[in-house]
Protein backbone atom coordinates (compact mmCIF):
# COMPACT_ATOMS: atom_id res chain seq x y z
CA UNK A 1 -0.29 -19.47 11.47
CA UNK A 2 0.63 -16.05 9.90
CA UNK A 3 -1.93 -14.13 7.49
CA UNK A 4 -0.98 -15.38 4.44
CA UNK A 5 -1.48 -11.89 2.59
CA UNK A 6 1.20 -10.00 4.16
CA UNK A 7 3.91 -10.71 1.69
CA UNK A 8 7.71 -10.02 2.45
CA UNK A 9 8.61 -9.25 -1.54
CA UNK A 10 5.91 -6.36 -1.77
CA UNK A 11 3.36 -3.98 0.18
CA UNK A 12 -0.17 -6.47 0.29
CA UNK A 13 -3.37 -5.19 -0.03
CA UNK A 14 -6.75 -5.68 1.90
CA UNK A 15 -9.92 -4.61 0.41
CA UNK A 16 -11.93 -4.22 3.68
CA UNK A 17 -15.89 -4.05 4.00
CA UNK A 18 -17.22 -6.11 1.10
CA UNK A 19 -20.72 -7.22 1.55
CA UNK A 20 -21.43 -9.12 -1.63
CA UNK A 21 -20.09 -11.50 -3.58
CA UNK A 22 -19.69 -9.39 -6.99
CA UNK A 23 -17.58 -6.74 -4.93
CA UNK A 24 -15.65 -9.72 -3.66
CA UNK A 25 -14.72 -11.17 -7.45
CA UNK A 26 -14.09 -7.56 -8.51
CA UNK A 27 -11.44 -7.12 -5.70
CA UNK A 28 -10.02 -10.55 -6.58
CA UNK A 29 -10.00 -9.58 -10.12
CA UNK A 30 -7.90 -6.56 -9.43
CA UNK A 31 -5.20 -8.61 -7.87
CA UNK A 32 -6.25 -7.76 -4.04
CA UNK A 33 -4.68 -10.29 -1.57
CA UNK A 34 -7.00 -10.11 1.35
CA UNK A 35 -10.64 -8.87 1.64
CA UNK A 36 -12.17 -8.05 4.78
CA UNK A 37 -15.69 -9.08 6.30
CA UNK A 38 -17.14 -7.30 8.73
CA UNK A 39 -19.25 -9.45 11.12
CA UNK A 40 -20.11 -6.71 13.68
CA UNK A 41 -23.95 -5.97 13.34
CA UNK A 42 -23.56 -2.27 14.05
CA UNK A 43 -21.05 -1.49 11.33
CA UNK A 44 -22.41 0.19 7.85
CA UNK A 45 -20.65 -2.54 5.90
CA UNK A 46 -22.39 -5.57 7.82
CA UNK A 47 -22.30 -9.15 6.34
CA UNK A 48 -24.39 -11.91 8.20
CA UNK A 49 -22.52 -15.25 8.81
CA UNK A 50 -25.04 -16.89 7.60
CA UNK A 51 -25.04 -15.09 4.10
CA UNK A 52 -21.79 -14.99 3.50
CA UNK A 53 -21.21 -18.86 4.18
CA UNK A 54 -23.22 -19.40 0.96
CA UNK A 55 -21.00 -17.88 -1.13
CA UNK A 56 -17.48 -17.10 0.78
CA UNK A 57 -16.20 -20.81 -0.13
CA UNK A 58 -16.74 -19.96 -3.39
CA UNK A 59 -14.10 -17.32 -3.61
CA UNK A 60 -10.49 -17.90 -5.33
CA UNK A 61 -8.38 -19.46 -2.36
CA UNK A 62 -5.61 -17.71 -3.59
CA UNK A 63 -7.48 -14.50 -2.25
CA UNK A 64 -7.14 -14.39 1.71
CA UNK A 65 -10.60 -14.18 3.44
CA UNK A 66 -10.24 -12.31 6.80
CA UNK A 67 -13.50 -12.10 9.29
CA UNK A 68 -13.40 -8.82 11.01
CA UNK A 69 -14.71 -9.06 14.78
CA UNK A 70 -15.94 -6.24 17.45
CA UNK A 71 -15.68 -7.93 21.04
CA UNK A 72 -17.54 -10.86 19.71
CA UNK A 73 -18.56 -14.37 21.35
CA UNK A 74 -15.69 -16.38 21.07
CA UNK A 75 -17.54 -19.35 19.96
CA UNK A 76 -18.94 -17.61 16.95
CA UNK A 77 -15.12 -16.57 15.36
CA UNK A 78 -14.06 -20.21 16.10
CA UNK A 79 -17.03 -21.38 14.29
CA UNK A 80 -16.19 -19.30 10.99
CA UNK A 81 -12.26 -20.23 11.60
CA UNK A 82 -12.95 -23.57 11.95
CA UNK A 83 -15.03 -24.43 8.97
CA UNK A 84 -12.42 -22.91 6.68
CA UNK A 85 -15.33 -20.10 5.79
CA UNK A 86 -12.82 -17.54 6.74
CA UNK A 87 -8.71 -17.92 6.94
CA UNK A 88 -8.04 -15.26 9.36
CA UNK A 89 -9.35 -13.19 11.91
CA UNK A 90 -8.99 -9.41 12.75
CA UNK A 91 -10.07 -8.26 15.93
CA UNK A 92 -10.99 -4.69 16.30
CA UNK A 93 -12.44 -4.16 19.03
CA UNK A 94 -11.63 -4.02 23.14
CA UNK A 95 -10.52 -7.52 23.15
CA UNK A 96 -7.90 -8.52 26.08
CA UNK A 97 -4.42 -10.33 25.43
CA UNK A 98 -5.89 -13.61 26.99
CA UNK A 99 -9.16 -12.85 23.98
CA UNK A 100 -6.67 -12.71 21.65
CA UNK A 101 -4.57 -15.50 22.45
CA UNK A 102 -6.98 -17.95 22.23
CA UNK A 103 -6.90 -17.55 18.62
CA UNK A 104 -3.39 -16.67 17.76
CA UNK A 105 -2.09 -19.71 18.74
CA UNK A 106 -3.54 -21.81 15.87
CA UNK A 107 -4.90 -19.04 13.19
CA UNK A 108 -4.21 -15.98 11.43
CA UNK A 109 -5.13 -13.19 13.27
CA UNK A 110 -4.57 -9.28 13.27
CA UNK A 111 -5.17 -6.92 16.41
CA UNK A 112 -6.54 -3.75 15.19
CA UNK A 113 -6.04 -0.35 17.28
CA UNK A 114 -6.80 3.31 16.68
CA UNK A 115 -3.90 5.94 16.73
CA UNK A 116 -5.37 8.73 18.37
CA UNK A 117 -1.82 10.69 19.39
CA UNK A 118 1.64 9.93 20.05
CA UNK A 119 0.40 8.26 23.54
CA UNK A 120 -1.65 5.62 22.38
CA UNK A 121 1.22 4.23 20.72
CA UNK A 122 2.69 2.71 23.86
CA UNK A 123 -0.56 0.98 24.79
CA UNK A 124 -0.21 -0.55 21.18
CA UNK A 125 3.50 -1.64 21.78
CA UNK A 126 2.63 -3.39 24.42
CA UNK A 127 0.12 -5.47 23.18
CA UNK A 128 1.88 -9.31 22.35
CA UNK A 129 0.17 -9.22 18.34
CA UNK A 130 2.63 -10.29 15.59
CA UNK A 131 0.68 -8.89 13.24
CA UNK A 132 -0.74 -5.08 14.16
CA UNK A 133 -3.82 -3.12 12.09
CA UNK A 134 -2.94 0.62 12.83
CA UNK A 135 -6.23 2.95 12.16
CA UNK A 136 -7.50 6.26 12.91
CA UNK A 137 -9.46 7.21 16.10
CA UNK A 138 -12.78 8.21 15.57
CA UNK A 139 -15.20 8.44 18.54
CA UNK A 140 -18.14 6.13 18.55
CA UNK A 141 -16.65 3.93 15.29
CA UNK A 142 -14.12 0.56 14.92
CA UNK A 143 -12.88 1.43 11.45
CA UNK A 144 -14.15 2.18 8.04
CA UNK A 145 -14.70 6.20 9.19
CA UNK A 146 -12.66 7.59 5.85
CA UNK A 147 -10.52 9.22 8.78
CA UNK A 148 -6.56 9.43 8.49
CA UNK A 149 -3.75 9.44 11.61
CA UNK A 150 -0.47 10.94 11.47
CA UNK A 151 1.36 8.45 9.61
CA UNK A 152 4.60 9.71 10.99
CA UNK A 153 3.70 7.57 14.15
CA UNK A 154 2.68 4.98 11.75
CA UNK A 155 6.64 5.04 10.28
CA UNK A 156 8.24 5.36 13.67
CA UNK A 157 5.91 2.24 14.93
CA UNK A 158 7.46 -0.02 12.02
CA UNK A 159 10.91 1.31 12.50
CA UNK A 160 10.38 0.00 16.20
CA UNK A 161 8.87 -3.12 15.62
CA UNK A 162 10.95 -4.61 12.90
CA UNK A 163 9.60 -8.05 13.88
CA UNK A 164 5.89 -7.27 13.77
CA UNK A 165 3.66 -7.19 10.08
CA UNK A 166 2.04 -3.64 10.43
CA UNK A 167 -1.17 -3.00 8.33
CA UNK A 168 -1.82 0.70 7.71
CA UNK A 169 -5.20 1.34 7.56
CA UNK A 170 -7.85 4.75 7.92
CA UNK A 171 -8.53 7.31 5.23
CA UNK A 172 -6.23 5.32 2.39
CA UNK A 173 -7.84 6.10 -1.29
CA UNK A 174 -6.60 6.01 -4.39
CA UNK A 175 -4.71 9.44 -4.80
CA UNK A 176 -2.95 9.28 -1.72
CA UNK A 177 -2.07 5.40 -0.84
CA UNK A 178 1.15 5.75 -2.13
CA UNK A 179 2.27 8.39 -0.61
CA UNK A 180 1.27 6.82 2.89
CA UNK A 181 2.64 3.61 1.86
CA UNK A 182 6.09 4.98 0.64
CA UNK A 183 6.52 7.06 4.24
CA UNK A 184 4.95 4.31 6.56
CA UNK A 185 6.73 1.38 4.66
CA UNK A 186 4.12 -1.47 6.29
CA UNK A 187 3.30 -4.81 5.20
CA UNK A 188 0.25 -3.93 3.92
CA UNK A 189 -2.58 -1.62 3.68
CA UNK A 190 -6.10 -1.74 4.13
CA UNK A 191 -8.81 0.25 2.87
CA UNK A 192 -12.58 0.34 2.79
CA UNK A 193 -14.86 3.56 2.37
CA UNK A 194 -11.81 5.00 0.06
CA UNK A 195 -12.79 2.68 -2.59
CA UNK A 196 -16.47 2.75 -2.27
CA UNK A 197 -19.39 4.08 -4.12
CA UNK A 198 -21.27 4.29 -0.87
CA UNK A 199 -21.16 2.36 2.54
CA UNK A 200 -20.41 -1.27 1.77
CA UNK A 201 -20.67 -1.02 -2.25
CA UNK A 202 -17.21 -0.96 -3.89
CA UNK A 203 -16.35 1.13 -6.92
CA UNK A 204 -14.64 -1.22 -9.59
CA UNK A 205 -12.44 1.85 -10.82
CA UNK A 206 -11.28 2.73 -7.64
CA UNK A 207 -10.43 -0.53 -6.48
CA UNK A 208 -8.39 -1.03 -9.43
CA UNK A 209 -7.11 2.15 -9.11
CA UNK A 210 -5.83 1.57 -5.67
CA UNK A 211 -4.00 -1.61 -5.82
CA UNK A 212 -2.24 -0.36 -9.04
CA UNK A 213 -1.13 2.50 -6.72
CA UNK A 214 0.30 0.30 -4.27
CA UNK A 215 1.72 -1.83 -6.94
CA UNK A 216 4.08 0.98 -7.81
CA UNK A 217 5.41 1.66 -4.70
CA UNK A 218 9.08 0.38 -4.42
CA UNK A 219 10.29 -1.20 -1.37
CA UNK A 220 13.76 -0.58 0.23
CA UNK A 221 16.43 -3.34 -0.44
């Protein structure tokens, strides 16, 4: 099962680090293709699974619900996927190939990697995941830092891996996402801190501006 939010005719948008139903609905109304919910307890944008389950199912089915995990116990990931409260799992930690493949055969999955420099790209290329999220390296953090990386590395990865779906993350904001997306041409872009007024609190104007900026990017024929 492929993640549904990765489109073929345009660059998709994932709003990540959503912590409340109200923010989720704002993003859905703005046209987000997917929402990310961080189930890593150490995250600034952590949402308790039991809390999320109370309102997550009420969100529009047209917007994909992606659970973000960092070295999580497999049974917890399976529970959320099998009950349908999330549609896909994003693994943002140090998960092994064997761990990842326990889920990728039957569920929508993404494997996230942090990009530090050119040398870090070889390990990313060798990981057998159909959907790859490229994020900026930030010591001690697993995403959501607001830092960016050299987008030329992302562009090269896209060109060298035409059969993979690449999600671009890291330091994206309404004022730079069009430039980043045009330069990298990923399948999707992912944003957390770039559309917030505070960690885990989305700003409706920034969310709308971000999505509008992505929609203006033209994909070459």
